[in-house]
Amino acid sequence: MPARISWYKKGSILLFEVSDPLSLGEFETAGEEVWALAAEVREPVDMIIDYRKAAEFPRGVLPIVRDAHFSLPTLGRVALVGREPMVEMMFATLTRKTYRPDPTVHSEVDDAAETLEQMAADDKDC
């Protein structure tokens, strides 16, 4: 499946993996899955978006991601896995519009998870 949501770390970090070919419908379905998984817990959840296997995003994806994924009230921080300036800009725009910190950018999922866990630990220490 080109858009897949799962727990990276149950209860705290969601993993959203995308690959080609993508459709808008798959992004909408993934948004529903984000809400369903996040409903399992009361605490805020962070999300890793791994787009290394996606060369293109379908036209019109930004409003769907904003309304389906980023409107989740318990969504905390976002980490991106991949290196594409346009995608980084798109997600930075979304996080700012939804009053979340800018996404961190990583080359590996495990590195992204470690960063999110460290940020969560730092927040608890404050």
PDB file of N, CA and C in Angstrom:
ATOM      1  N   MET A   1       0.853  -1.181   0.000  1.00  0.00           N
ATOM      2  CA  MET A   1       0.000   0.000   0.000  1.00  0.00           C
ATOM      3  C   MET A   1       0.898   1.243   0.000  1.00  0.00           C
ATOM      4  N   PRO A   2       0.644   2.184  -0.872  1.00  0.00           N
ATOM      5  CA  PRO A   2       1.504   3.375  -0.991  1.00  0.00           C
ATOM      6  C   PRO A   2       1.458   4.357   0.178  1.00  0.00           C
ATOM      7  N   ALA A   3       0.437   4.336   1.005  1.00  0.00           N
ATOM      8  CA  ALA A   3       0.367   5.199   2.186  1.00  0.00           C
ATOM      9  C   ALA A   3      -0.023   4.303   3.360  1.00  0.00           C
ATOM     10  N   ARG A   4       0.897   4.152   4.306  1.00  0.00           N
ATOM     11  CA  ARG A   4       0.676   3.208   5.395  1.00  0.00           C
ATOM     12  C   ARG A   4       0.979   3.872   6.731  1.00  0.00           C
ATOM     13  N   ILE A   5       0.095   3.691   7.689  1.00  0.00           N
ATOM     14  CA  ILE A   5       0.241   4.226   9.043  1.00  0.00           C
ATOM     15  C   ILE A   5       0.379   3.055  10.009  1.00  0.00           C
ATOM     16  N   SER A   6       1.329   3.171  10.932  1.00  0.00           N
ATOM     17  CA  SER A   6       1.494   2.165  11.978  1.00  0.00           C
ATOM     18  C   SER A   6       2.157   2.839  13.180  1.00  0.00           C
ATOM     19  N   TRP A   7       2.187   2.122  14.283  1.00  0.00           N
ATOM     20  CA  TRP A   7       2.916   2.611  15.444  1.00  0.00           C
ATOM     21  C   TRP A   7       4.390   2.303  15.241  1.00  0.00           C
ATOM     22  N   TYR A   8       5.240   3.298  15.371  1.00  0.00           N
ATOM     23  CA  TYR A   8       6.677   3.041  15.463  1.00  0.00           C
ATOM     24  C   TYR A   8       6.974   2.664  16.903  1.00  0.00           C
ATOM     25  N   LYS A   9       6.423   3.461  17.827  1.00  0.00           N
ATOM     26  CA  LYS A   9       6.500   3.164  19.257  1.00  0.00           C
ATOM     27  C   LYS A   9       5.080   3.302  19.792  1.00  0.00           C
ATOM     28  N   LYS A  10       4.486   2.194  20.137  1.00  0.00           N
ATOM     29  CA  LYS A  10       3.082   2.151  20.542  1.00  0.00           C
ATOM     30  C   LYS A  10       2.762   3.221  21.580  1.00  0.00           C
ATOM     31  N   GLY A  11       1.759   4.008  21.257  1.00  0.00           N
ATOM     32  CA  GLY A  11       1.280   5.012  22.185  1.00  0.00           C
ATOM     33  C   GLY A  11       1.950   6.362  22.122  1.00  0.00           C
ATOM     34  N   SER A  12       3.074   6.473  21.355  1.00  0.00           N
ATOM     35  CA  SER A  12       3.733   7.777  21.355  1.00  0.00           C
ATOM     36  C   SER A  12       4.249   8.244  19.994  1.00  0.00           C
ATOM     37  N   ILE A  13       4.645   7.328  19.099  1.00  0.00           N
ATOM     38  CA  ILE A  13       5.177   7.753  17.802  1.00  0.00           C
ATOM     39  C   ILE A  13       4.516   6.967  16.681  1.00  0.00           C
ATOM     40  N   LEU A  14       3.827   7.698  15.798  1.00  0.00           N
ATOM     41  CA  LEU A  14       3.239   7.107  14.601  1.00  0.00           C
ATOM     42  C   LEU A  14       4.254   7.144  13.464  1.00  0.00           C
ATOM     43  N   LEU A  15       4.209   6.144  12.594  1.00  0.00           N
ATOM     44  CA  LEU A  15       5.047   6.100  11.405  1.00  0.00           C
ATOM     45  C   LEU A  15       4.147   6.121  10.188  1.00  0.00           C
ATOM     46  N   PHE A  16       4.304   7.158   9.378  1.00  0.00           N
ATOM     47  CA  PHE A  16       3.534   7.322   8.141  1.00  0.00           C
ATOM     48  C   PHE A  16       4.512   7.126   6.994  1.00  0.00           C
ATOM     49  N   GLU A  17       4.378   5.993   6.289  1.00  0.00           N
ATOM     50  CA  GLU A  17       5.267   5.674   5.181  1.00  0.00           C
ATOM     51  C   GLU A  17       4.520   5.831   3.864  1.00  0.00           C
ATOM     52  N   VAL A  18       5.148   6.525   2.914  1.00  0.00           N
ATOM     53  CA  VAL A  18       4.541   6.689   1.601  1.00  0.00           C
ATOM     54  C   VAL A  18       5.509   6.217   0.522  1.00  0.00           C
ATOM     55  N   SER A  19       4.938   5.686  -0.559  1.00  0.00           N
ATOM     56  CA  SER A  19       5.733   5.232  -1.691  1.00  0.00           C
ATOM     57  C   SER A  19       4.913   5.445  -2.966  1.00  0.00           C
ATOM     58  N   ASP A  20       5.584   5.390  -4.078  1.00  0.00           N
ATOM     59  CA  ASP A  20       4.906   5.551  -5.369  1.00  0.00           C
ATOM     60  C   ASP A  20       4.154   4.276  -5.725  1.00  0.00           C
ATOM     61  N   PRO A  21       3.086   4.366  -6.485  1.00  0.00           N
ATOM     62  CA  PRO A  21       2.350   5.566  -6.879  1.00  0.00           C
ATOM     63  C   PRO A  21       1.334   5.943  -5.800  1.00  0.00           C
ATOM     64  N   LEU A  22       1.218   7.213  -5.527  1.00  0.00           N
ATOM     65  CA  LEU A  22       0.313   7.735  -4.500  1.00  0.00           C
ATOM     66  C   LEU A  22      -0.936   8.324  -5.133  1.00  0.00           C
ATOM     67  N   SER A  23      -2.036   8.243  -4.413  1.00  0.00           N
ATOM     68  CA  SER A  23      -3.270   8.904  -4.854  1.00  0.00           C
ATOM     69  C   SER A  23      -3.821   9.736  -3.704  1.00  0.00           C
ATOM     70  N   LEU A  24      -4.685  10.677  -4.040  1.00  0.00           N
ATOM     71  CA  LEU A  24      -5.310  11.494  -2.991  1.00  0.00           C
ATOM     72  C   LEU A  24      -6.156  10.638  -2.056  1.00  0.00           C
ATOM     73  N   GLY A  25      -6.822   9.659  -2.614  1.00  0.00           N
ATOM     74  CA  GLY A  25      -7.651   8.770  -1.803  1.00  0.00           C
ATOM     75  C   GLY A  25      -6.841   8.025  -0.755  1.00  0.00           C
ATOM     76  N   GLU A  26      -5.636   7.623  -1.124  1.00  0.00           N
ATOM     77  CA  GLU A  26      -4.775   6.926  -0.161  1.00  0.00           C
ATOM     78  C   GLU A  26      -4.346   7.850   0.975  1.00  0.00           C
ATOM     79  N   PHE A  27      -4.125   9.121   0.653  1.00  0.00           N
ATOM     80  CA  PHE A  27      -3.800  10.087   1.705  1.00  0.00           C
ATOM     81  C   PHE A  27      -4.986  10.292   2.635  1.00  0.00           C
ATOM     82  N   GLU A  28      -6.199  10.326   2.084  1.00  0.00           N
ATOM     83  CA  GLU A  28      -7.388  10.477   2.915  1.00  0.00           C
ATOM     84  C   GLU A  28      -7.567   9.268   3.831  1.00  0.00           C
ATOM     85  N   THR A  29      -7.401   8.085   3.286  1.00  0.00           N
ATOM     86  CA  THR A  29      -7.514   6.865   4.090  1.00  0.00           C
ATOM     87  C   THR A  29      -6.461   6.849   5.185  1.00  0.00           C
ATOM     88  N   ALA A  30      -5.244   7.240   4.845  1.00  0.00           N
ATOM     89  CA  ALA A  30      -4.177   7.293   5.850  1.00  0.00           C
ATOM     90  C   ALA A  30      -4.531   8.278   6.962  1.00  0.00           C
ATOM     91  N   GLY A  31      -5.152   9.393   6.614  1.00  0.00           N
ATOM     92  CA  GLY A  31      -5.584  10.358   7.628  1.00  0.00           C
ATOM     93  C   GLY A  31      -6.575   9.746   8.601  1.00  0.00           C
ATOM     94  N   GLU A  32      -7.500   8.952   8.091  1.00  0.00           N
ATOM     95  CA  GLU A  32      -8.458   8.265   8.953  1.00  0.00           C
ATOM     96  C   GLU A  32      -7.747   7.281   9.876  1.00  0.00           C
ATOM     97  N   GLU A  33      -6.730   6.612   9.343  1.00  0.00           N
ATOM     98  CA  GLU A  33      -5.967   5.662  10.154  1.00  0.00           C
ATOM     99  C   GLU A  33      -5.167   6.377  11.249  1.00  0.00           C
ATOM    100  N   VAL A  34      -4.652   7.564  10.943  1.00  0.00           N
ATOM    101  CA  VAL A  34      -3.947   8.355  11.952  1.00  0.00           C
ATOM    102  C   VAL A  34      -4.884   8.628  13.127  1.00  0.00           C
ATOM    103  N   TRP A  35      -6.084   9.088  12.826  1.00  0.00           N
ATOM    104  CA  TRP A  35      -7.057   9.400  13.872  1.00  0.00           C
ATOM    105  C   TRP A  35      -7.422   8.151  14.673  1.00  0.00           C
ATOM    106  N   ALA A  36      -7.598   7.019  13.980  1.00  0.00           N
ATOM    107  CA  ALA A  36      -7.977   5.782  14.670  1.00  0.00           C
ATOM    108  C   ALA A  36      -6.869   5.320  15.620  1.00  0.00           C
ATOM    109  N   LEU A  37      -5.629   5.345  15.177  1.00  0.00           N
ATOM    110  CA  LEU A  37      -4.534   4.931  16.055  1.00  0.00           C
ATOM    111  C   LEU A  37      -4.353   5.905  17.212  1.00  0.00           C
ATOM    112  N   ALA A  38      -4.403   7.189  16.934  1.00  0.00           N
ATOM    113  CA  ALA A  38      -4.222   8.191  17.983  1.00  0.00           C
ATOM    114  C   ALA A  38      -5.346   8.122  19.018  1.00  0.00           C
ATOM    115  N   ALA A  39      -6.526   7.666  18.623  1.00  0.00           N
ATOM    116  CA  ALA A  39      -7.647   7.545  19.558  1.00  0.00           C
ATOM    117  C   ALA A  39      -7.402   6.466  20.608  1.00  0.00           C
ATOM    118  N   GLU A  40      -6.416   5.605  20.363  1.00  0.00           N
ATOM    119  CA  GLU A  40      -6.098   4.543  21.323  1.00  0.00           C
ATOM    120  C   GLU A  40      -5.418   5.073  22.587  1.00  0.00           C
ATOM    121  N   VAL A  41      -4.883   6.292  22.520  1.00  0.00           N
ATOM    122  CA  VAL A  41      -4.141   6.847  23.650  1.00  0.00           C
ATOM    123  C   VAL A  41      -4.652   8.245  23.983  1.00  0.00           C
ATOM    124  N   ARG A  42      -4.395   8.685  25.198  1.00  0.00           N
ATOM    125  CA  ARG A  42      -4.814  10.022  25.623  1.00  0.00           C
ATOM    126  C   ARG A  42      -3.717  11.062  25.445  1.00  0.00           C
ATOM    127  N   GLU A  43      -2.485  10.629  25.468  1.00  0.00           N
ATOM    128  CA  GLU A  43      -1.348  11.541  25.386  1.00  0.00           C
ATOM    129  C   GLU A  43      -1.120  12.029  23.955  1.00  0.00           C
ATOM    130  N   PRO A  44      -0.415  13.142  23.804  1.00  0.00           N
ATOM    131  CA  PRO A  44      -0.033  13.581  22.461  1.00  0.00           C
ATOM    132  C   PRO A  44       0.853  12.535  21.780  1.00  0.00           C
ATOM    133  N   VAL A  45       0.731  12.460  20.473  1.00  0.00           N
ATOM    134  CA  VAL A  45       1.555  11.547  19.684  1.00  0.00           C
ATOM    135  C   VAL A  45       2.386  12.351  18.696  1.00  0.00           C
ATOM    136  N   ASP A  46       3.582  11.876  18.451  1.00  0.00           N
ATOM    137  CA  ASP A  46       4.446  12.460  17.435  1.00  0.00           C
ATOM    138  C   ASP A  46       4.340  11.598  16.183  1.00  0.00           C
ATOM    139  N   MET A  47       4.744  12.150  15.041  1.00  0.00           N
ATOM    140  CA  MET A  47       4.637  11.401  13.794  1.00  0.00           C
ATOM    141  C   MET A  47       5.919  11.510  12.983  1.00  0.00           C
ATOM    142  N   ILE A  48       6.358  10.373  12.479  1.00  0.00           N
ATOM    143  CA  ILE A  48       7.463  10.304  11.533  1.00  0.00           C
ATOM    144  C   ILE A  48       6.843  10.104  10.155  1.00  0.00           C
ATOM    145  N   ILE A  49       7.228  10.940   9.207  1.00  0.00           N
ATOM    146  CA  ILE A  49       6.758  10.797   7.831  1.00  0.00           C
ATOM    147  C   ILE A  49       7.958  10.383   6.983  1.00  0.00           C
ATOM    148  N   ASP A  50       7.929   9.135   6.520  1.00  0.00           N
ATOM    149  CA  ASP A  50       9.015   8.584   5.710  1.00  0.00           C
ATOM    150  C   ASP A  50       8.573   8.609   4.252  1.00  0.00           C
ATOM    151  N   TYR A  51       9.146   9.528   3.495  1.00  0.00           N
ATOM    152  CA  TYR A  51       8.765   9.673   2.087  1.00  0.00           C
ATOM    153  C   TYR A  51       9.907   9.330   1.134  1.00  0.00           C
ATOM    154  N   ARG A  52      10.887   8.582   1.595  1.00  0.00           N
ATOM    155  CA  ARG A  52      12.047   8.254   0.759  1.00  0.00           C
ATOM    156  C   ARG A  52      11.686   7.448  -0.485  1.00  0.00           C
ATOM    157  N   LYS A  53      10.592   6.704  -0.454  1.00  0.00           N
ATOM    158  CA  LYS A  53      10.202   5.870  -1.595  1.00  0.00           C
ATOM    159  C   LYS A  53       9.166   6.545  -2.483  1.00  0.00           C
ATOM    160  N   ALA A  54       8.918   7.824  -2.263  1.00  0.00           N
ATOM    161  CA  ALA A  54       7.944   8.565  -3.073  1.00  0.00           C
ATOM    162  C   ALA A  54       8.668   9.631  -3.876  1.00  0.00           C
ATOM    163  N   ALA A  55       8.590   9.521  -5.185  1.00  0.00           N
ATOM    164  CA  ALA A  55       9.228  10.518  -6.051  1.00  0.00           C
ATOM    165  C   ALA A  55       8.300  11.694  -6.314  1.00  0.00           C
ATOM    166  N   GLU A  56       6.997  11.449  -6.264  1.00  0.00           N
ATOM    167  CA  GLU A  56       6.023  12.507  -6.539  1.00  0.00           C
ATOM    168  C   GLU A  56       4.848  12.405  -5.587  1.00  0.00           C
ATOM    169  N   PHE A  57       4.304  13.571  -5.261  1.00  0.00           N
ATOM    170  CA  PHE A  57       3.080  13.639  -4.477  1.00  0.00           C
ATOM    171  C   PHE A  57       1.967  14.102  -5.408  1.00  0.00           C
ATOM    172  N   PRO A  58       0.762  13.561  -5.259  1.00  0.00           N
ATOM    173  CA  PRO A  58      -0.318  13.968  -6.154  1.00  0.00           C
ATOM    174  C   PRO A  58      -0.718  15.426  -5.947  1.00  0.00           C
ATOM    175  N   ARG A  59      -1.152  16.035  -6.997  1.00  0.00           N
ATOM    176  CA  ARG A  59      -1.642  17.411  -6.941  1.00  0.00           C
ATOM    177  C   ARG A  59      -2.830  17.488  -5.979  1.00  0.00           C
ATOM    178  N   GLY A  60      -2.839  18.489  -5.118  1.00  0.00           N
ATOM    179  CA  GLY A  60      -3.932  18.667  -4.161  1.00  0.00           C
ATOM    180  C   GLY A  60      -3.727  17.959  -2.837  1.00  0.00           C
ATOM    181  N   VAL A  61      -2.516  17.439  -2.595  1.00  0.00           N
ATOM    182  CA  VAL A  61      -2.273  16.686  -1.372  1.00  0.00           C
ATOM    183  C   VAL A  61      -2.173  17.588  -0.137  1.00  0.00           C
ATOM    184  N   LEU A  62      -1.713  18.805  -0.281  1.00  0.00           N
ATOM    185  CA  LEU A  62      -1.493  19.678   0.871  1.00  0.00           C
ATOM    186  C   LEU A  62      -2.755  19.889   1.717  1.00  0.00           C
ATOM    187  N   PRO A  63      -3.904  20.250   1.114  1.00  0.00           N
ATOM    188  CA  PRO A  63      -5.105  20.415   1.958  1.00  0.00           C
ATOM    189  C   PRO A  63      -5.552  19.120   2.629  1.00  0.00           C
ATOM    190  N   ILE A  64      -5.347  17.996   1.969  1.00  0.00           N
ATOM    191  CA  ILE A  64      -5.752  16.720   2.562  1.00  0.00           C
ATOM    192  C   ILE A  64      -4.869  16.402   3.765  1.00  0.00           C
ATOM    193  N   VAL A  65      -3.576  16.567   3.617  1.00  0.00           N
ATOM    194  CA  VAL A  65      -2.669  16.306   4.743  1.00  0.00           C
ATOM    195  C   VAL A  65      -2.977  17.267   5.887  1.00  0.00           C
ATOM    196  N   ARG A  66      -3.214  18.531   5.576  1.00  0.00           N
ATOM    197  CA  ARG A  66      -3.530  19.516   6.621  1.00  0.00           C
ATOM    198  C   ARG A  66      -4.820  19.129   7.340  1.00  0.00           C
ATOM    199  N   ASP A  67      -5.873  18.808   6.593  1.00  0.00           N
ATOM    200  CA  ASP A  67      -7.174  18.549   7.200  1.00  0.00           C
ATOM    201  C   ASP A  67      -7.298  17.151   7.800  1.00  0.00           C
ATOM    202  N   ALA A  68      -6.621  16.179   7.210  1.00  0.00           N
ATOM    203  CA  ALA A  68      -6.765  14.801   7.689  1.00  0.00           C
ATOM    204  C   ALA A  68      -5.719  14.426   8.735  1.00  0.00           C
ATOM    205  N   HIS A  69      -4.472  14.827   8.514  1.00  0.00           N
ATOM    206  CA  HIS A  69      -3.401  14.427   9.417  1.00  0.00           C
ATOM    207  C   HIS A  69      -3.098  15.496  10.464  1.00  0.00           C
ATOM    208  N   PHE A  70      -2.943  16.717  10.025  1.00  0.00           N
ATOM    209  CA  PHE A  70      -2.479  17.778  10.907  1.00  0.00           C
ATOM    210  C   PHE A  70      -3.584  18.423  11.725  1.00  0.00           C
ATOM    211  N   SER A  71      -4.828  18.062  11.498  1.00  0.00           N
ATOM    212  CA  SER A  71      -5.905  18.600  12.329  1.00  0.00           C
ATOM    213  C   SER A  71      -6.112  17.755  13.590  1.00  0.00           C
ATOM    214  N   LEU A  72      -5.388  16.657  13.704  1.00  0.00           N
ATOM    215  CA  LEU A  72      -5.463  15.815  14.892  1.00  0.00           C
ATOM    216  C   LEU A  72      -5.047  16.627  16.119  1.00  0.00           C
ATOM    217  N   PRO A  73      -5.948  16.827  17.080  1.00  0.00           N
ATOM    218  CA  PRO A  73      -5.614  17.688  18.224  1.00  0.00           C
ATOM    219  C   PRO A  73      -4.476  17.170  19.088  1.00  0.00           C
ATOM    220  N   THR A  74      -4.238  15.864  19.087  1.00  0.00           N
ATOM    221  CA  THR A  74      -3.171  15.319  19.929  1.00  0.00           C
ATOM    222  C   THR A  74      -1.849  15.146  19.173  1.00  0.00           C
ATOM    223  N   LEU A  75      -1.766  15.641  17.957  1.00  0.00           N
ATOM    224  CA  LEU A  75      -0.507  15.546  17.217  1.00  0.00           C
ATOM    225  C   LEU A  75       0.485  16.544  17.789  1.00  0.00           C
ATOM    226  N   GLY A  76       1.661  16.041  18.117  1.00  0.00           N
ATOM    227  CA  GLY A  76       2.709  16.892  18.671  1.00  0.00           C
ATOM    228  C   GLY A  76       3.707  17.299  17.612  1.00  0.00           C
ATOM    229  N   ARG A  77       4.858  16.696  17.678  1.00  0.00           N
ATOM    230  CA  ARG A  77       5.947  17.027  16.747  1.00  0.00           C
ATOM    231  C   ARG A  77       5.921  16.110  15.530  1.00  0.00           C
ATOM    232  N   VAL A  78       6.560  16.600  14.456  1.00  0.00           N
ATOM    233  CA  VAL A  78       6.661  15.841  13.213  1.00  0.00           C
ATOM    234  C   VAL A  78       8.130  15.753  12.824  1.00  0.00           C
ATOM    235  N   ALA A  79       8.540  14.553  12.396  1.00  0.00           N
ATOM    236  CA  ALA A  79       9.893  14.340  11.879  1.00  0.00           C
ATOM    237  C   ALA A  79       9.777  13.799  10.461  1.00  0.00           C
ATOM    238  N   LEU A  80      10.553  14.351   9.551  1.00  0.00           N
ATOM    239  CA  LEU A  80      10.559  13.905   8.169  1.00  0.00           C
ATOM    240  C   LEU A  80      11.764  13.021   7.917  1.00  0.00           C
ATOM    241  N   VAL A  81      11.566  11.975   7.134  1.00  0.00           N
ATOM    242  CA  VAL A  81      12.669  11.114   6.717  1.00  0.00           C
ATOM    243  C   VAL A  81      12.724  11.163   5.200  1.00  0.00           C
ATOM    244  N   GLY A  82      13.774  11.792   4.704  1.00  0.00           N
ATOM    245  CA  GLY A  82      13.960  11.994   3.275  1.00  0.00           C
ATOM    246  C   GLY A  82      14.649  13.330   3.059  1.00  0.00           C
ATOM    247  N   ARG A  83      15.010  13.590   1.832  1.00  0.00           N
ATOM    248  CA  ARG A  83      15.689  14.854   1.522  1.00  0.00           C
ATOM    249  C   ARG A  83      15.117  15.435   0.242  1.00  0.00           C
ATOM    250  N   GLU A  84      14.094  16.232   0.382  1.00  0.00           N
ATOM    251  CA  GLU A  84      13.499  16.917  -0.753  1.00  0.00           C
ATOM    252  C   GLU A  84      13.060  18.296  -0.273  1.00  0.00           C
ATOM    253  N   PRO A  85      13.734  19.355  -0.707  1.00  0.00           N
ATOM    254  CA  PRO A  85      13.425  20.701  -0.218  1.00  0.00           C
ATOM    255  C   PRO A  85      11.955  21.106  -0.366  1.00  0.00           C
ATOM    256  N   MET A  86      11.309  20.695  -1.452  1.00  0.00           N
ATOM    257  CA  MET A  86       9.900  21.071  -1.647  1.00  0.00           C
ATOM    258  C   MET A  86       9.014  20.400  -0.600  1.00  0.00           C
ATOM    259  N   VAL A  87       9.280  19.152  -0.296  1.00  0.00           N
ATOM    260  CA  VAL A  87       8.503  18.439   0.726  1.00  0.00           C
ATOM    261  C   VAL A  87       8.763  19.058   2.092  1.00  0.00           C
ATOM    262  N   GLU A  88      10.014  19.367   2.384  1.00  0.00           N
ATOM    263  CA  GLU A  88      10.352  20.009   3.658  1.00  0.00           C
ATOM    264  C   GLU A  88       9.620  21.337   3.806  1.00  0.00           C
ATOM    265  N   MET A  89       9.576  22.121   2.735  1.00  0.00           N
ATOM    266  CA  MET A  89       8.877  23.400   2.774  1.00  0.00           C
ATOM    267  C   MET A  89       7.377  23.194   2.982  1.00  0.00           C
ATOM    268  N   MET A  90       6.809  22.199   2.288  1.00  0.00           N
ATOM    269  CA  MET A  90       5.381  21.918   2.409  1.00  0.00           C
ATOM    270  C   MET A  90       5.028  21.572   3.859  1.00  0.00           C
ATOM    271  N   PHE A  91       5.812  20.704   4.478  1.00  0.00           N
ATOM    272  CA  PHE A  91       5.502  20.309   5.854  1.00  0.00           C
ATOM    273  C   PHE A  91       5.823  21.410   6.857  1.00  0.00           C
ATOM    274  N   ALA A  92       6.835  22.203   6.607  1.00  0.00           N
ATOM    275  CA  ALA A  92       7.120  23.340   7.489  1.00  0.00           C
ATOM    276  C   ALA A  92       5.948  24.323   7.455  1.00  0.00           C
ATOM    277  N   THR A  93       5.386  24.530   6.278  1.00  0.00           N
ATOM    278  CA  THR A  93       4.212  25.403   6.140  1.00  0.00           C
ATOM    279  C   THR A  93       3.033  24.841   6.930  1.00  0.00           C
ATOM    280  N   LEU A  94       2.809  23.538   6.816  1.00  0.00           N
ATOM    281  CA  LEU A  94       1.703  22.908   7.545  1.00  0.00           C
ATOM    282  C   LEU A  94       1.884  23.004   9.050  1.00  0.00           C
ATOM    283  N   THR A  95       3.096  22.748   9.533  1.00  0.00           N
ATOM    284  CA  THR A  95       3.295  22.793  10.979  1.00  0.00           C
ATOM    285  C   THR A  95       3.093  24.200  11.512  1.00  0.00           C
ATOM    286  N   ARG A  96       3.553  25.194  10.781  1.00  0.00           N
ATOM    287  CA  ARG A  96       3.360  26.585  11.238  1.00  0.00           C
ATOM    288  C   ARG A  96       1.891  26.967  11.240  1.00  0.00           C
ATOM    289  N   LYS A  97       1.149  26.549  10.216  1.00  0.00           N
ATOM    290  CA  LYS A  97      -0.277  26.885  10.145  1.00  0.00           C
ATOM    291  C   LYS A  97      -1.085  26.180  11.219  1.00  0.00           C
ATOM    292  N   THR A  98      -0.559  25.087  11.737  1.00  0.00           N
ATOM    293  CA  THR A  98      -1.270  24.343  12.779  1.00  0.00           C
ATOM    294  C   THR A  98      -0.594  24.512  14.147  1.00  0.00           C
ATOM    295  N   TYR A  99       0.275  25.522  14.254  1.00  0.00           N
ATOM    296  CA  TYR A  99       0.905  25.912  15.515  1.00  0.00           C
ATOM    297  C   TYR A  99       1.719  24.785  16.150  1.00  0.00           C
ATOM    298  N   ARG A 100       2.453  24.075  15.317  1.00  0.00           N
ATOM    299  CA  ARG A 100       3.348  23.026  15.797  1.00  0.00           C
ATOM    300  C   ARG A 100       4.777  23.424  15.478  1.00  0.00           C
ATOM    301  N   PRO A 101       5.743  22.835  16.169  1.00  0.00           N
ATOM    302  CA  PRO A 101       7.144  23.153  15.848  1.00  0.00           C
ATOM    303  C   PRO A 101       7.491  22.711  14.429  1.00  0.00           C
ATOM    304  N   ASP A 102       8.465  23.380  13.818  1.00  0.00           N
ATOM    305  CA  ASP A 102       8.922  22.964  12.501  1.00  0.00           C
ATOM    306  C   ASP A 102       9.370  21.513  12.552  1.00  0.00           C
ATOM    307  N   PRO A 103       9.148  20.773  11.464  1.00  0.00           N
ATOM    308  CA  PRO A 103       9.574  19.373  11.475  1.00  0.00           C
ATOM    309  C   PRO A 103      11.095  19.260  11.472  1.00  0.00           C
ATOM    310  N   THR A 104      11.586  18.215  12.103  1.00  0.00           N
ATOM    311  CA  THR A 104      13.003  17.895  12.006  1.00  0.00           C
ATOM    312  C   THR A 104      13.178  17.012  10.778  1.00  0.00           C
ATOM    313  N   VAL A 105      14.370  17.018  10.190  1.00  0.00           N
ATOM    314  CA  VAL A 105      14.623  16.270   8.961  1.00  0.00           C
ATOM    315  C   VAL A 105      15.748  15.268   9.204  1.00  0.00           C
ATOM    316  N   HIS A 106      15.524  14.042   8.753  1.00  0.00           N
ATOM    317  CA  HIS A 106      16.456  12.948   9.030  1.00  0.00           C
ATOM    318  C   HIS A 106      16.645  12.074   7.795  1.00  0.00           C
ATOM    319  N   SER A 107      17.694  11.271   7.830  1.00  0.00           N
ATOM    320  CA  SER A 107      17.934  10.344   6.723  1.00  0.00           C
ATOM    321  C   SER A 107      17.460   8.926   7.058  1.00  0.00           C
ATOM    322  N   GLU A 108      17.210   8.639   8.337  1.00  0.00           N
ATOM    323  CA  GLU A 108      16.768   7.309   8.772  1.00  0.00           C
ATOM    324  C   GLU A 108      15.628   7.422   9.781  1.00  0.00           C
ATOM    325  N   VAL A 109      14.728   6.456   9.753  1.00  0.00           N
ATOM    326  CA  VAL A 109      13.578   6.447  10.663  1.00  0.00           C
ATOM    327  C   VAL A 109      14.035   6.345  12.114  1.00  0.00           C
ATOM    328  N   ASP A 110      15.007   5.482  12.402  1.00  0.00           N
ATOM    329  CA  ASP A 110      15.466   5.327  13.788  1.00  0.00           C
ATOM    330  C   ASP A 110      16.033   6.629  14.346  1.00  0.00           C
ATOM    331  N   ASP A 111      16.745   7.374  13.520  1.00  0.00           N
ATOM    332  CA  ASP A 111      17.290   8.667  13.943  1.00  0.00           C
ATOM    333  C   ASP A 111      16.154   9.648  14.251  1.00  0.00           C
ATOM    334  N   ALA A 112      15.127   9.644  13.404  1.00  0.00           N
ATOM    335  CA  ALA A 112      13.971  10.512  13.638  1.00  0.00           C
ATOM    336  C   ALA A 112      13.296  10.163  14.959  1.00  0.00           C
ATOM    337  N   ALA A 113      13.132   8.864  15.225  1.00  0.00           N
ATOM    338  CA  ALA A 113      12.492   8.428  16.469  1.00  0.00           C
ATOM    339  C   ALA A 113      13.318   8.828  17.684  1.00  0.00           C
ATOM    340  N   GLU A 114      14.629   8.662  17.611  1.00  0.00           N
ATOM    341  CA  GLU A 114      15.491   9.054  18.726  1.00  0.00           C
ATOM    342  C   GLU A 114      15.358  10.546  19.019  1.00  0.00           C
ATOM    343  N   THR A 115      15.302  11.352  17.967  1.00  0.00           N
ATOM    344  CA  THR A 115      15.159  12.798  18.146  1.00  0.00           C
ATOM    345  C   THR A 115      13.822  13.134  18.793  1.00  0.00           C
ATOM    346  N   LEU A 116      12.745  12.510  18.311  1.00  0.00           N
ATOM    347  CA  LEU A 116      11.420  12.773  18.895  1.00  0.00           C
ATOM    348  C   LEU A 116      11.378  12.341  20.360  1.00  0.00           C
ATOM    349  N   GLU A 117      11.966  11.195  20.678  1.00  0.00           N
ATOM    350  CA  GLU A 117      11.983  10.732  22.063  1.00  0.00           C
ATOM    351  C   GLU A 117      12.786  11.667  22.954  1.00  0.00           C
ATOM    352  N   GLN A 118      13.902  12.172  22.449  1.00  0.00           N
ATOM    353  CA  GLN A 118      14.717  13.112  23.222  1.00  0.00           C
ATOM    354  C   GLN A 118      13.959  14.420  23.463  1.00  0.00           C
ATOM    355  N   MET A 119      13.266  14.895  22.426  1.00  0.00           N
ATOM    356  CA  MET A 119      12.487  16.129  22.572  1.00  0.00           C
ATOM    357  C   MET A 119      11.366  15.933  23.592  1.00  0.00           C
ATOM    358  N   ALA A 120      10.731  14.777  23.572  1.00  0.00           N
ATOM    359  CA  ALA A 120       9.662  14.481  24.548  1.00  0.00           C
ATOM    360  C   ALA A 120      10.237  14.433  25.956  1.00  0.00           C
ATOM    361  N   ALA A 121      11.399  13.813  26.098  1.00  0.00           N
ATOM    362  CA  ALA A 121      12.042  13.743  27.418  1.00  0.00           C
ATOM    363  C   ALA A 121      12.435  15.143  27.900  1.00  0.00           C
ATOM    364  N   ASP A 122      12.955  15.968  26.999  1.00  0.00           N
ATOM    365  CA  ASP A 122      13.309  17.338  27.366  1.00  0.00           C
ATOM    366  C   ASP A 122      12.085  18.124  27.814  1.00  0.00           C
ATOM    367  N   ASP A 123      10.947  17.912  27.134  1.00  0.00           N
ATOM    368  CA  ASP A 123       9.712  18.612  27.506  1.00  0.00           C
ATOM    369  C   ASP A 123       9.248  18.215  28.897  1.00  0.00           C
ATOM    370  N   LYS A 124       9.420  16.946  29.255  1.00  0.00           N
ATOM    371  CA  LYS A 124       8.996  16.468  30.578  1.00  0.00           C
ATOM    372  C   LYS A 124       9.879  17.052  31.680  1.00  0.00           C
ATOM    373  N   ASP A 125      11.141  17.321  31.341  1.00  0.00           N
ATOM    374  CA  ASP A 125      12.066  17.882  32.329  1.00  0.00           C
ATOM    375  C   ASP A 125      11.788  19.356  32.626  1.00  0.00           C
ATOM    376  N   CYS A 126      11.065  20.011  31.758  1.00  0.00           N
ATOM    377  CA  CYS A 126      10.808  21.456  31.952  1.00  0.00           C
ATOM    378  C   CYS A 126       9.753  21.715  32.973  1.00  0.00           C
TER     379      CYS A 126
END
